[in-house]
């Protein structure tokens, strides 16, 4: 379907954001478990709470637009998370691993922040 109205564009972007946030809520518990630093664990826990709340933002857009959050995989987020997972496999546990976790999480957050600007 062609995106020929702002409403269709917003609906599509909202679906991507919804998918990304839901994926984040599934990945963050793994990051919490993998982190060795208590401060990093707490930061990831805080972000998990934020992500759960942010899922409501695209859902509000769906209500306003009179549409539903049809499941759509956010390929960009899937790729970022795959790269992060690969990096984690290549790093030694401890401080280096925590820095890799933080780097992967920052890439995800950067993408989410860009998507939230529109929605």
PDB file of N, CA and C in Angstrom:
ATOM      1  N   UNK A   1       0.842  -1.171   0.000  1.00  0.00           N
ATOM      2  CA  UNK A   1       0.000   0.000   0.000  1.00  0.00           C
ATOM      3  C   UNK A   1       0.892   1.241   0.000  1.00  0.00           C
ATOM      4  N   UNK A   2       0.557   2.166  -0.851  1.00  0.00           N
ATOM      5  CA  UNK A   2       1.329   3.401  -0.971  1.00  0.00           C
ATOM      6  C   UNK A   2       1.084   4.306   0.230  1.00  0.00           C
ATOM      7  N   UNK A   3       2.142   4.926   0.678  1.00  0.00           N
ATOM      8  CA  UNK A   3       2.034   5.892   1.767  1.00  0.00           C
ATOM      9  C   UNK A   3       1.804   7.248   1.109  1.00  0.00           C
ATOM     10  N   UNK A   4       0.533   7.638   1.054  1.00  0.00           N
ATOM     11  CA  UNK A   4       0.182   8.867   0.352  1.00  0.00           C
ATOM     12  C   UNK A   4      -0.481   9.910   1.252  1.00  0.00           C
ATOM     13  N   UNK A   5      -0.518   9.633   2.566  1.00  0.00           N
ATOM     14  CA  UNK A   5      -1.051  10.620   3.514  1.00  0.00           C
ATOM     15  C   UNK A   5      -0.166  10.639   4.760  1.00  0.00           C
ATOM     16  N   UNK A   6      -0.236  11.733   5.476  1.00  0.00           N
ATOM     17  CA  UNK A   6       0.513  11.818   6.737  1.00  0.00           C
ATOM     18  C   UNK A   6       0.021  10.778   7.741  1.00  0.00           C
ATOM     19  N   UNK A   7      -1.260  10.475   7.690  1.00  0.00           N
ATOM     20  CA  UNK A   7      -1.817   9.481   8.606  1.00  0.00           C
ATOM     21  C   UNK A   7      -1.206   8.109   8.360  1.00  0.00           C
ATOM     22  N   UNK A   8      -1.054   7.735   7.094  1.00  0.00           N
ATOM     23  CA  UNK A   8      -0.447   6.443   6.771  1.00  0.00           C
ATOM     24  C   UNK A   8       1.025   6.417   7.182  1.00  0.00           C
ATOM     25  N   UNK A   9       1.710   7.533   6.981  1.00  0.00           N
ATOM     26  CA  UNK A   9       3.111   7.616   7.384  1.00  0.00           C
ATOM     27  C   UNK A   9       3.227   7.473   8.898  1.00  0.00           C
ATOM     28  N   UNK A  10       2.400   8.194   9.640  1.00  0.00           N
ATOM     29  CA  UNK A  10       2.431   8.118  11.095  1.00  0.00           C
ATOM     30  C   UNK A  10       2.076   6.712  11.576  1.00  0.00           C
ATOM     31  N   UNK A  11       1.108   6.081  10.948  1.00  0.00           N
ATOM     32  CA  UNK A  11       0.731   4.716  11.331  1.00  0.00           C
ATOM     33  C   UNK A  11       1.893   3.757  11.102  1.00  0.00           C
ATOM     34  N   UNK A  12       2.568   3.874   9.970  1.00  0.00           N
ATOM     35  CA  UNK A  12       3.700   2.996   9.682  1.00  0.00           C
ATOM     36  C   UNK A  12       4.856   3.223  10.635  1.00  0.00           C
ATOM     37  N   UNK A  13       5.175   4.482  10.907  1.00  0.00           N
ATOM     38  CA  UNK A  13       6.250   4.789  11.848  1.00  0.00           C
ATOM     39  C   UNK A  13       5.886   4.319  13.254  1.00  0.00           C
ATOM     40  N   UNK A  14       4.623   4.454  13.611  1.00  0.00           N
ATOM     41  CA  UNK A  14       4.167   4.000  14.934  1.00  0.00           C
ATOM     42  C   UNK A  14       4.285   2.490  15.055  1.00  0.00           C
ATOM     43  N   UNK A  15       4.005   1.769  13.969  1.00  0.00           N
ATOM     44  CA  UNK A  15       4.154   0.305  13.988  1.00  0.00           C
ATOM     45  C   UNK A  15       5.622  -0.088  14.183  1.00  0.00           C
ATOM     46  N   UNK A  16       6.526   0.610  13.485  1.00  0.00           N
ATOM     47  CA  UNK A  16       7.957   0.346  13.656  1.00  0.00           C
ATOM     48  C   UNK A  16       8.385   0.595  15.099  1.00  0.00           C
ATOM     49  N   UNK A  17       7.965   1.734  15.639  1.00  0.00           N
ATOM     50  CA  UNK A  17       8.331   2.095  17.005  1.00  0.00           C
ATOM     51  C   UNK A  17       7.753   1.103  18.006  1.00  0.00           C
ATOM     52  N   UNK A  18       6.513   0.706  17.798  1.00  0.00           N
ATOM     53  CA  UNK A  18       5.860  -0.268  18.677  1.00  0.00           C
ATOM     54  C   UNK A  18       6.636  -1.578  18.668  1.00  0.00           C
ATOM     55  N   UNK A  19       7.014  -2.023  17.490  1.00  0.00           N
ATOM     56  CA  UNK A  19       7.798  -3.255  17.355  1.00  0.00           C
ATOM     57  C   UNK A  19       9.140  -3.124  18.059  1.00  0.00           C
ATOM     58  N   UNK A  20       9.795  -1.989  17.856  1.00  0.00           N
ATOM     59  CA  UNK A  20      11.110  -1.778  18.461  1.00  0.00           C
ATOM     60  C   UNK A  20      11.025  -1.763  19.983  1.00  0.00           C
ATOM     61  N   UNK A  21      10.041  -1.071  20.531  1.00  0.00           N
ATOM     62  CA  UNK A  21       9.901  -0.995  21.985  1.00  0.00           C
ATOM     63  C   UNK A  21       9.561  -2.369  22.571  1.00  0.00           C
ATOM     64  N   UNK A  22       8.681  -3.102  21.896  1.00  0.00           N
ATOM     65  CA  UNK A  22       8.336  -4.439  22.391  1.00  0.00           C
ATOM     66  C   UNK A  22       9.561  -5.351  22.357  1.00  0.00           C
ATOM     67  N   UNK A  23      10.340  -5.255  21.289  1.00  0.00           N
ATOM     68  CA  UNK A  23      11.551  -6.062  21.179  1.00  0.00           C
ATOM     69  C   UNK A  23      12.517  -5.693  22.306  1.00  0.00           C
ATOM     70  N   UNK A  24      12.608  -4.404  22.609  1.00  0.00           N
ATOM     71  CA  UNK A  24      13.483  -3.951  23.680  1.00  0.00           C
ATOM     72  C   UNK A  24      13.093  -4.525  25.029  1.00  0.00           C
ATOM     73  N   UNK A  25      11.801  -4.617  25.286  1.00  0.00           N
ATOM     74  CA  UNK A  25      11.365  -5.160  26.576  1.00  0.00           C
ATOM     75  C   UNK A  25      11.679  -6.649  26.689  1.00  0.00           C
ATOM     76  N   UNK A  26      11.896  -7.296  25.571  1.00  0.00           N
ATOM     77  CA  UNK A  26      12.268  -8.718  25.603  1.00  0.00           C
ATOM     78  C   UNK A  26      13.782  -8.896  25.730  1.00  0.00           C
ATOM     79  N   UNK A  27      14.557  -7.937  25.209  1.00  0.00           N
ATOM     80  CA  UNK A  27      16.014  -8.024  25.203  1.00  0.00           C
ATOM     81  C   UNK A  27      16.624  -7.504  26.508  1.00  0.00           C
ATOM     82  N   UNK A  28      16.049  -6.440  27.056  1.00  0.00           N
ATOM     83  CA  UNK A  28      16.636  -5.817  28.242  1.00  0.00           C
ATOM     84  C   UNK A  28      16.824  -6.765  29.428  1.00  0.00           C
ATOM     85  N   UNK A  29      15.904  -7.684  29.713  1.00  0.00           N
ATOM     86  CA  UNK A  29      16.168  -8.621  30.817  1.00  0.00           C
ATOM     87  C   UNK A  29      17.452  -9.434  30.606  1.00  0.00           C
ATOM     88  N   UNK A  30      17.778  -9.740  29.354  1.00  0.00           N
ATOM     89  CA  UNK A  30      19.025 -10.463  29.062  1.00  0.00           C
ATOM     90  C   UNK A  30      20.237  -9.579  29.342  1.00  0.00           C
ATOM     91  N   UNK A  31      20.127  -8.287  29.025  1.00  0.00           N
ATOM     92  CA  UNK A  31      21.229  -7.371  29.301  1.00  0.00           C
ATOM     93  C   UNK A  31      21.434  -7.209  30.807  1.00  0.00           C
ATOM     94  N   UNK A  32      20.336  -7.149  31.533  1.00  0.00           N
ATOM     95  CA  UNK A  32      20.417  -7.041  32.992  1.00  0.00           C
ATOM     96  C   UNK A  32      21.159  -8.243  33.560  1.00  0.00           C
ATOM     97  N   UNK A  33      20.800  -9.405  33.081  1.00  0.00           N
ATOM     98  CA  UNK A  33      21.434 -10.638  33.563  1.00  0.00           C
ATOM     99  C   UNK A  33      22.905 -10.711  33.163  1.00  0.00           C
ATOM    100  N   UNK A  34      23.241 -10.204  31.976  1.00  0.00           N
ATOM    101  CA  UNK A  34      24.608 -10.315  31.471  1.00  0.00           C
ATOM    102  C   UNK A  34      25.557  -9.298  32.093  1.00  0.00           C
ATOM    103  N   UNK A  35      25.027  -8.197  32.606  1.00  0.00           N
ATOM    104  CA  UNK A  35      25.887  -7.143  33.162  1.00  0.00           C
ATOM    105  C   UNK A  35      26.521  -7.592  34.470  1.00  0.00           C
ATOM    106  N   UNK A  36      27.783  -7.246  34.657  1.00  0.00           N
ATOM    107  CA  UNK A  36      28.439  -7.574  35.920  1.00  0.00           C
ATOM    108  C   UNK A  36      28.408  -6.390  36.887  1.00  0.00           C
ATOM    109  N   UNK A  37      28.314  -5.189  36.385  1.00  0.00           N
ATOM    110  CA  UNK A  37      28.260  -3.984  37.211  1.00  0.00           C
ATOM    111  C   UNK A  37      26.843  -3.786  37.753  1.00  0.00           C
ATOM    112  N   UNK A  38      26.738  -3.587  39.055  1.00  0.00           N
ATOM    113  CA  UNK A  38      25.425  -3.339  39.662  1.00  0.00           C
ATOM    114  C   UNK A  38      24.821  -2.038  39.149  1.00  0.00           C
ATOM    115  N   UNK A  39      25.655  -1.030  38.928  1.00  0.00           N
ATOM    116  CA  UNK A  39      25.157   0.237  38.392  1.00  0.00           C
ATOM    117  C   UNK A  39      24.573   0.054  36.994  1.00  0.00           C
ATOM    118  N   UNK A  40      25.247  -0.747  36.176  1.00  0.00           N
ATOM    119  CA  UNK A  40      24.747  -1.002  34.834  1.00  0.00           C
ATOM    120  C   UNK A  40      23.449  -1.807  34.883  1.00  0.00           C
ATOM    121  N   UNK A  41      23.379  -2.789  35.770  1.00  0.00           N
ATOM    122  CA  UNK A  41      22.134  -3.553  35.952  1.00  0.00           C
ATOM    123  C   UNK A  41      20.982  -2.615  36.302  1.00  0.00           C
ATOM    124  N   UNK A  42      21.225  -1.687  37.228  1.00  0.00           N
ATOM    125  CA  UNK A  42      20.190  -0.736  37.643  1.00  0.00           C
ATOM    126  C   UNK A  42      19.783   0.173  36.484  1.00  0.00           C
ATOM    127  N   UNK A  43      20.758   0.603  35.695  1.00  0.00           N
ATOM    128  CA  UNK A  43      20.456   1.461  34.543  1.00  0.00           C
ATOM    129  C   UNK A  43      19.591   0.716  33.535  1.00  0.00           C
ATOM    130  N   UNK A  44      19.913  -0.549  33.279  1.00  0.00           N
ATOM    131  CA  UNK A  44      19.100  -1.348  32.353  1.00  0.00           C
ATOM    132  C   UNK A  44      17.702  -1.594  32.923  1.00  0.00           C
ATOM    133  N   UNK A  45      17.607  -1.820  34.219  1.00  0.00           N
ATOM    134  CA  UNK A  45      16.295  -2.008  34.853  1.00  0.00           C
ATOM    135  C   UNK A  45      15.450  -0.736  34.707  1.00  0.00           C
ATOM    136  N   UNK A  46      16.085   0.413  34.916  1.00  0.00           N
ATOM    137  CA  UNK A  46      15.393   1.693  34.756  1.00  0.00           C
ATOM    138  C   UNK A  46      14.912   1.848  33.307  1.00  0.00           C
ATOM    139  N   UNK A  47      15.777   1.509  32.371  1.00  0.00           N
ATOM    140  CA  UNK A  47      15.406   1.633  30.961  1.00  0.00           C
ATOM    141  C   UNK A  47      14.279   0.659  30.595  1.00  0.00           C
ATOM    142  N   UNK A  48      14.285  -0.517  31.193  1.00  0.00           N
ATOM    143  CA  UNK A  48      13.199  -1.471  30.941  1.00  0.00           C
ATOM    144  C   UNK A  48      11.874  -0.870  31.383  1.00  0.00           C
ATOM    145  N   UNK A  49      11.849  -0.238  32.540  1.00  0.00           N
ATOM    146  CA  UNK A  49      10.617   0.411  33.011  1.00  0.00           C
ATOM    147  C   UNK A  49      10.181   1.520  32.053  1.00  0.00           C
ATOM    148  N   UNK A  50      11.141   2.283  31.556  1.00  0.00           N
ATOM    149  CA  UNK A  50      10.828   3.341  30.592  1.00  0.00           C
ATOM    150  C   UNK A  50      10.280   2.756  29.294  1.00  0.00           C
ATOM    151  N   UNK A  51      10.909   1.697  28.819  1.00  0.00           N
ATOM    152  CA  UNK A  51      10.478   1.073  27.555  1.00  0.00           C
ATOM    153  C   UNK A  51       9.055   0.551  27.675  1.00  0.00           C
ATOM    154  N   UNK A  52       8.744  -0.047  28.813  1.00  0.00           N
ATOM    155  CA  UNK A  52       7.381  -0.554  29.012  1.00  0.00           C
ATOM    156  C   UNK A  52       6.371   0.588  28.970  1.00  0.00           C
ATOM    157  N   UNK A  53       6.741   1.736  29.532  1.00  0.00           N
ATOM    158  CA  UNK A  53       5.856   2.904  29.495  1.00  0.00           C
ATOM    159  C   UNK A  53       5.781   3.499  28.083  1.00  0.00           C
ATOM    160  N   UNK A  54       6.892   3.467  27.345  1.00  0.00           N
ATOM    161  CA  UNK A  54       6.929   4.071  26.016  1.00  0.00           C
ATOM    162  C   UNK A  54       6.141   3.280  24.984  1.00  0.00           C
ATOM    163  N   UNK A  55       5.827   2.049  25.276  1.00  0.00           N
ATOM    164  CA  UNK A  55       4.992   1.264  24.354  1.00  0.00           C
ATOM    165  C   UNK A  55       3.633   1.936  24.199  1.00  0.00           C
ATOM    166  N   UNK A  56       3.215   2.661  25.211  1.00  0.00           N
ATOM    167  CA  UNK A  56       1.906   3.320  25.169  1.00  0.00           C
ATOM    168  C   UNK A  56       1.862   4.461  24.159  1.00  0.00           C
ATOM    169  N   UNK A  57       3.003   5.070  23.878  1.00  0.00           N
ATOM    170  CA  UNK A  57       3.028   6.217  22.969  1.00  0.00           C
ATOM    171  C   UNK A  57       2.541   5.851  21.555  1.00  0.00           C
ATOM    172  N   UNK A  58       3.111   4.832  20.920  1.00  0.00           N
ATOM    173  CA  UNK A  58       2.566   4.482  19.599  1.00  0.00           C
ATOM    174  C   UNK A  58       1.136   3.945  19.696  1.00  0.00           C
ATOM    175  N   UNK A  59       0.795   3.322  20.816  1.00  0.00           N
ATOM    176  CA  UNK A  59      -0.578   2.828  20.972  1.00  0.00           C
ATOM    177  C   UNK A  59      -1.567   3.990  21.005  1.00  0.00           C
ATOM    178  N   UNK A  60      -1.170   5.131  21.571  1.00  0.00           N
ATOM    179  CA  UNK A  60      -2.029   6.324  21.545  1.00  0.00           C
ATOM    180  C   UNK A  60      -2.199   6.816  20.111  1.00  0.00           C
ATOM    181  N   UNK A  61      -1.118   6.756  19.329  1.00  0.00           N
ATOM    182  CA  UNK A  61      -1.215   7.165  17.922  1.00  0.00           C
ATOM    183  C   UNK A  61      -2.193   6.264  17.174  1.00  0.00           C
ATOM    184  N   UNK A  62      -2.169   4.964  17.468  1.00  0.00           N
ATOM    185  CA  UNK A  62      -3.105   4.046  16.803  1.00  0.00           C
ATOM    186  C   UNK A  62      -4.543   4.421  17.140  1.00  0.00           C
ATOM    187  N   UNK A  63      -4.789   4.773  18.384  1.00  0.00           N
ATOM    188  CA  UNK A  63      -6.140   5.160  18.804  1.00  0.00           C
ATOM    189  C   UNK A  63      -6.576   6.423  18.078  1.00  0.00           C
ATOM    190  N   UNK A  64      -5.703   7.419  18.039  1.00  0.00           N
ATOM    191  CA  UNK A  64      -6.027   8.684  17.371  1.00  0.00           C
ATOM    192  C   UNK A  64      -6.300   8.459  15.889  1.00  0.00           C
ATOM    193  N   UNK A  65      -5.515   7.586  15.266  1.00  0.00           N
ATOM    194  CA  UNK A  65      -5.654   7.325  13.828  1.00  0.00           C
ATOM    195  C   UNK A  65      -6.764   6.330  13.509  1.00  0.00           C
ATOM    196  N   UNK A  66      -7.306   5.688  14.542  1.00  0.00           N
ATOM    197  CA  UNK A  66      -8.357   4.702  14.327  1.00  0.00           C
ATOM    198  C   UNK A  66      -7.839   3.442  13.663  1.00  0.00           C
ATOM    199  N   UNK A  67      -6.607   3.071  13.992  1.00  0.00           N
ATOM    200  CA  UNK A  67      -5.998   1.875  13.405  1.00  0.00           C
ATOM    201  C   UNK A  67      -5.506   0.965  14.527  1.00  0.00           C
ATOM    202  N   UNK A  68      -4.905  -0.126  14.167  1.00  0.00           N
ATOM    203  CA  UNK A  68      -4.412  -1.079  15.162  1.00  0.00           C
ATOM    204  C   UNK A  68      -2.916  -1.293  14.977  1.00  0.00           C
ATOM    205  N   UNK A  69      -2.254  -1.770  16.045  1.00  0.00           N
ATOM    206  CA  UNK A  69      -0.816  -2.031  15.926  1.00  0.00           C
ATOM    207  C   UNK A  69      -0.538  -3.356  15.236  1.00  0.00           C
ATOM    208  N   UNK A  70      -0.884  -3.434  13.954  1.00  0.00           N
ATOM    209  CA  UNK A  70      -0.578  -4.651  13.200  1.00  0.00           C
ATOM    210  C   UNK A  70       0.889  -4.961  13.388  1.00  0.00           C
ATOM    211  N   UNK A  71       1.169  -6.191  13.695  1.00  0.00           N
ATOM    212  CA  UNK A  71       2.562  -6.560  13.953  1.00  0.00           C
ATOM    213  C   UNK A  71       3.408  -6.319  12.713  1.00  0.00           C
ATOM    214  N   UNK A  72       4.462  -5.609  12.926  1.00  0.00           N
ATOM    215  CA  UNK A  72       5.430  -5.320  11.870  1.00  0.00           C
ATOM    216  C   UNK A  72       6.801  -5.400  12.504  1.00  0.00           C
ATOM    217  N   UNK A  73       7.667  -6.185  11.926  1.00  0.00           N
ATOM    218  CA  UNK A  73       9.017  -6.288  12.465  1.00  0.00           C
ATOM    219  C   UNK A  73       9.814  -5.073  12.046  1.00  0.00           C
ATOM    220  N   UNK A  74      10.428  -4.439  13.011  1.00  0.00           N
ATOM    221  CA  UNK A  74      11.312  -3.310  12.726  1.00  0.00           C
ATOM    222  C   UNK A  74      12.667  -3.903  12.347  1.00  0.00           C
ATOM    223  N   UNK A  75      12.917  -4.013  11.039  1.00  0.00           N
ATOM    224  CA  UNK A  75      14.144  -4.641  10.552  1.00  0.00           C
ATOM    225  C   UNK A  75      15.393  -3.909  11.015  1.00  0.00           C
ATOM    226  N   UNK A  76      15.304  -2.590  11.111  1.00  0.00           N
ATOM    227  CA  UNK A  76      16.455  -1.809  11.547  1.00  0.00           C
ATOM    228  C   UNK A  76      16.839  -2.191  12.980  1.00  0.00           C
ATOM    229  N   UNK A  77      15.847  -2.273  13.870  1.00  0.00           N
ATOM    230  CA  UNK A  77      16.120  -2.632  15.261  1.00  0.00           C
ATOM    231  C   UNK A  77      16.618  -4.070  15.347  1.00  0.00           C
ATOM    232  N   UNK A  78      16.054  -4.930  14.545  1.00  0.00           N
ATOM    233  CA  UNK A  78      16.492  -6.324  14.530  1.00  0.00           C
ATOM    234  C   UNK A  78      17.969  -6.408  14.156  1.00  0.00           C
ATOM    235  N   UNK A  79      18.384  -5.625  13.174  1.00  0.00           N
ATOM    236  CA  UNK A  79      19.785  -5.607  12.749  1.00  0.00           C
ATOM    237  C   UNK A  79      20.709  -5.043  13.811  1.00  0.00           C
ATOM    238  N   UNK A  80      20.277  -3.948  14.458  1.00  0.00           N
ATOM    239  CA  UNK A  80      21.090  -3.349  15.518  1.00  0.00           C
ATOM    240  C   UNK A  80      21.279  -4.353  16.650  1.00  0.00           C
ATOM    241  N   UNK A  81      20.215  -5.048  17.009  1.00  0.00           N
ATOM    242  CA  UNK A  81      20.307  -6.012  18.096  1.00  0.00           C
ATOM    243  C   UNK A  81      21.166  -7.213  17.709  1.00  0.00           C
ATOM    244  N   UNK A  82      21.109  -7.621  16.458  1.00  0.00           N
ATOM    245  CA  UNK A  82      21.955  -8.732  16.008  1.00  0.00           C
ATOM    246  C   UNK A  82      23.433  -8.342  16.069  1.00  0.00           C
ATOM    247  N   UNK A  83      23.745  -7.107  15.671  1.00  0.00           N
ATOM    248  CA  UNK A  83      25.129  -6.639  15.758  1.00  0.00           C
ATOM    249  C   UNK A  83      25.590  -6.587  17.210  1.00  0.00           C
ATOM    250  N   UNK A  84      24.705  -6.132  18.087  1.00  0.00           N
ATOM    251  CA  UNK A  84      25.038  -6.085  19.509  1.00  0.00           C
ATOM    252  C   UNK A  84      25.284  -7.467  20.082  1.00  0.00           C
ATOM    253  N   UNK A  85      24.453  -8.423  19.696  1.00  0.00           N
ATOM    254  CA  UNK A  85      24.613  -9.797  20.178  1.00  0.00           C
ATOM    255  C   UNK A  85      25.942 -10.374  19.719  1.00  0.00           C
ATOM    256  N   UNK A  86      26.322 -10.079  18.481  1.00  0.00           N
ATOM    257  CA  UNK A  86      27.606 -10.557  17.956  1.00  0.00           C
ATOM    258  C   UNK A  86      28.770  -9.956  18.745  1.00  0.00           C
ATOM    259  N   UNK A  87      28.679  -8.659  19.040  1.00  0.00           N
ATOM    260  CA  UNK A  87      29.723  -7.985  19.798  1.00  0.00           C
ATOM    261  C   UNK A  87      29.860  -8.621  21.189  1.00  0.00           C
ATOM    262  N   UNK A  88      28.743  -8.964  21.788  1.00  0.00           N
ATOM    263  CA  UNK A  88      28.775  -9.550  23.128  1.00  0.00           C
ATOM    264  C   UNK A  88      29.432 -10.921  23.130  1.00  0.00           C
ATOM    265  N   UNK A  89      29.247 -11.663  22.066  1.00  0.00           N
ATOM    266  CA  UNK A  89      29.877 -12.982  21.967  1.00  0.00           C
ATOM    267  C   UNK A  89      31.390 -12.870  21.829  1.00  0.00           C
ATOM    268  N   UNK A  90      31.842 -11.741  21.307  1.00  0.00           N
ATOM    269  CA  UNK A  90      33.267 -11.556  21.034  1.00  0.00           C
ATOM    270  C   UNK A  90      34.022 -10.896  22.188  1.00  0.00           C
ATOM    271  N   UNK A  91      33.327 -10.531  23.261  1.00  0.00           N
ATOM    272  CA  UNK A  91      33.999  -9.828  24.354  1.00  0.00           C
ATOM    273  C   UNK A  91      34.094 -10.704  25.599  1.00  0.00           C
ATOM    274  N   UNK A  92      35.173 -10.493  26.324  1.00  0.00           N
ATOM    275  CA  UNK A  92      35.417 -11.231  27.555  1.00  0.00           C
ATOM    276  C   UNK A  92      34.524 -10.663  28.660  1.00  0.00           C
ATOM    277  N   UNK A  93      33.993 -11.525  29.510  1.00  0.00           N
ATOM    278  CA  UNK A  93      33.119 -11.077  30.590  1.00  0.00           C
ATOM    279  C   UNK A  93      33.857 -10.151  31.538  1.00  0.00           C
ATOM    280  N   UNK A  94      33.128  -9.292  32.213  1.00  0.00           N
ATOM    281  CA  UNK A  94      33.703  -8.314  33.118  1.00  0.00           C
ATOM    282  C   UNK A  94      33.527  -6.918  32.561  1.00  0.00           C
ATOM    283  N   UNK A  95      34.486  -6.060  32.829  1.00  0.00           N
ATOM    284  CA  UNK A  95      34.379  -4.654  32.428  1.00  0.00           C
ATOM    285  C   UNK A  95      34.234  -4.479  30.922  1.00  0.00           C
ATOM    286  N   UNK A  96      35.014  -5.219  30.153  1.00  0.00           N
ATOM    287  CA  UNK A  96      34.949  -5.100  28.686  1.00  0.00           C
ATOM    288  C   UNK A  96      33.566  -5.502  28.190  1.00  0.00           C
ATOM    289  N   UNK A  97      33.036  -6.558  28.752  1.00  0.00           N
ATOM    290  CA  UNK A  97      31.706  -7.037  28.370  1.00  0.00           C
ATOM    291  C   UNK A  97      30.656  -5.979  28.720  1.00  0.00           C
ATOM    292  N   UNK A  98      30.788  -5.355  29.899  1.00  0.00           N
ATOM    293  CA  UNK A  98      29.838  -4.318  30.298  1.00  0.00           C
ATOM    294  C   UNK A  98      29.887  -3.128  29.351  1.00  0.00           C
ATOM    295  N   UNK A  99      31.085  -2.747  28.914  1.00  0.00           N
ATOM    296  CA  UNK A  99      31.205  -1.646  27.957  1.00  0.00           C
ATOM    297  C   UNK A  99      30.539  -2.029  26.636  1.00  0.00           C
ATOM    298  N   UNK A 100      30.691  -3.269  26.212  1.00  0.00           N
ATOM    299  CA  UNK A 100      30.036  -3.739  24.984  1.00  0.00           C
ATOM    300  C   UNK A 100      28.515  -3.728  25.149  1.00  0.00           C
ATOM    301  N   UNK A 101      28.027  -4.141  26.320  1.00  0.00           N
ATOM    302  CA  UNK A 101      26.586  -4.093  26.593  1.00  0.00           C
ATOM    303  C   UNK A 101      26.073  -2.661  26.484  1.00  0.00           C
ATOM    304  N   UNK A 102      26.815  -1.745  27.098  1.00  0.00           N
ATOM    305  CA  UNK A 102      26.424  -0.340  27.078  1.00  0.00           C
ATOM    306  C   UNK A 102      26.443   0.211  25.655  1.00  0.00           C
ATOM    307  N   UNK A 103      27.447  -0.137  24.886  1.00  0.00           N
ATOM    308  CA  UNK A 103      27.536   0.313  23.500  1.00  0.00           C
ATOM    309  C   UNK A 103      26.346  -0.180  22.681  1.00  0.00           C
ATOM    310  N   UNK A 104      26.005  -1.453  22.845  1.00  0.00           N
ATOM    311  CA  UNK A 104      24.861  -2.016  22.115  1.00  0.00           C
ATOM    312  C   UNK A 104      23.565  -1.324  22.538  1.00  0.00           C
ATOM    313  N   UNK A 105      23.417  -1.088  23.835  1.00  0.00           N
ATOM    314  CA  UNK A 105      22.203  -0.440  24.334  1.00  0.00           C
ATOM    315  C   UNK A 105      22.097   1.000  23.822  1.00  0.00           C
ATOM    316  N   UNK A 106      23.220   1.698  23.715  1.00  0.00           N
ATOM    317  CA  UNK A 106      23.199   3.066  23.215  1.00  0.00           C
ATOM    318  C   UNK A 106      22.776   3.127  21.753  1.00  0.00           C
ATOM    319  N   UNK A 107      23.191   2.149  20.971  1.00  0.00           N
ATOM    320  CA  UNK A 107      22.775   2.117  19.556  1.00  0.00           C
ATOM    321  C   UNK A 107      21.264   1.939  19.454  1.00  0.00           C
ATOM    322  N   UNK A 108      20.733   1.048  20.277  1.00  0.00           N
ATOM    323  CA  UNK A 108      19.283   0.816  20.291  1.00  0.00           C
ATOM    324  C   UNK A 108      18.569   2.094  20.714  1.00  0.00           C
ATOM    325  N   UNK A 109      19.038   2.712  21.787  1.00  0.00           N
ATOM    326  CA  UNK A 109      18.404   3.929  22.296  1.00  0.00           C
ATOM    327  C   UNK A 109      18.446   5.055  21.272  1.00  0.00           C
ATOM    328  N   UNK A 110      19.533   5.192  20.557  1.00  0.00           N
ATOM    329  CA  UNK A 110      19.646   6.237  19.531  1.00  0.00           C
ATOM    330  C   UNK A 110      18.570   6.056  18.469  1.00  0.00           C
ATOM    331  N   UNK A 111      18.370   4.833  18.029  1.00  0.00           N
ATOM    332  CA  UNK A 111      17.358   4.552  17.022  1.00  0.00           C
ATOM    333  C   UNK A 111      15.959   4.844  17.571  1.00  0.00           C
ATOM    334  N   UNK A 112      15.709   4.454  18.814  1.00  0.00           N
ATOM    335  CA  UNK A 112      14.401   4.705  19.421  1.00  0.00           C
ATOM    336  C   UNK A 112      14.131   6.204  19.558  1.00  0.00           C
ATOM    337  N   UNK A 113      15.152   6.966  19.944  1.00  0.00           N
ATOM    338  CA  UNK A 113      14.972   8.411  20.098  1.00  0.00           C
ATOM    339  C   UNK A 113      14.594   9.053  18.765  1.00  0.00           C
ATOM    340  N   UNK A 114      15.201   8.615  17.709  1.00  0.00           N
ATOM    341  CA  UNK A 114      14.870   9.166  16.384  1.00  0.00           C
ATOM    342  C   UNK A 114      13.432   8.839  16.011  1.00  0.00           C
ATOM    343  N   UNK A 115      12.986   7.642  16.310  1.00  0.00           N
ATOM    344  CA  UNK A 115      11.613   7.243  15.988  1.00  0.00           C
ATOM    345  C   UNK A 115      10.604   7.996  16.838  1.00  0.00           C
ATOM    346  N   UNK A 116      10.930   8.254  18.100  1.00  0.00           N
ATOM    347  CA  UNK A 116       9.991   8.959  18.988  1.00  0.00           C
ATOM    348  C   UNK A 116       9.779  10.401  18.556  1.00  0.00           C
ATOM    349  N   UNK A 117      10.700  10.972  17.792  1.00  0.00           N
ATOM    350  CA  UNK A 117      10.545  12.359  17.349  1.00  0.00           C
ATOM    351  C   UNK A 117       9.313  12.510  16.462  1.00  0.00           C
ATOM    352  N   UNK A 118       8.998  11.510  15.671  1.00  0.00           N
ATOM    353  CA  UNK A 118       7.865  11.597  14.773  1.00  0.00           C
ATOM    354  C   UNK A 118       6.566  11.207  15.461  1.00  0.00           C
ATOM    355  N   UNK A 119       6.643  10.190  16.300  1.00  0.00           N
ATOM    356  CA  UNK A 119       5.420   9.640  16.900  1.00  0.00           C
ATOM    357  C   UNK A 119       5.058  10.413  18.149  1.00  0.00           C
TER     358      UNK A 119
END
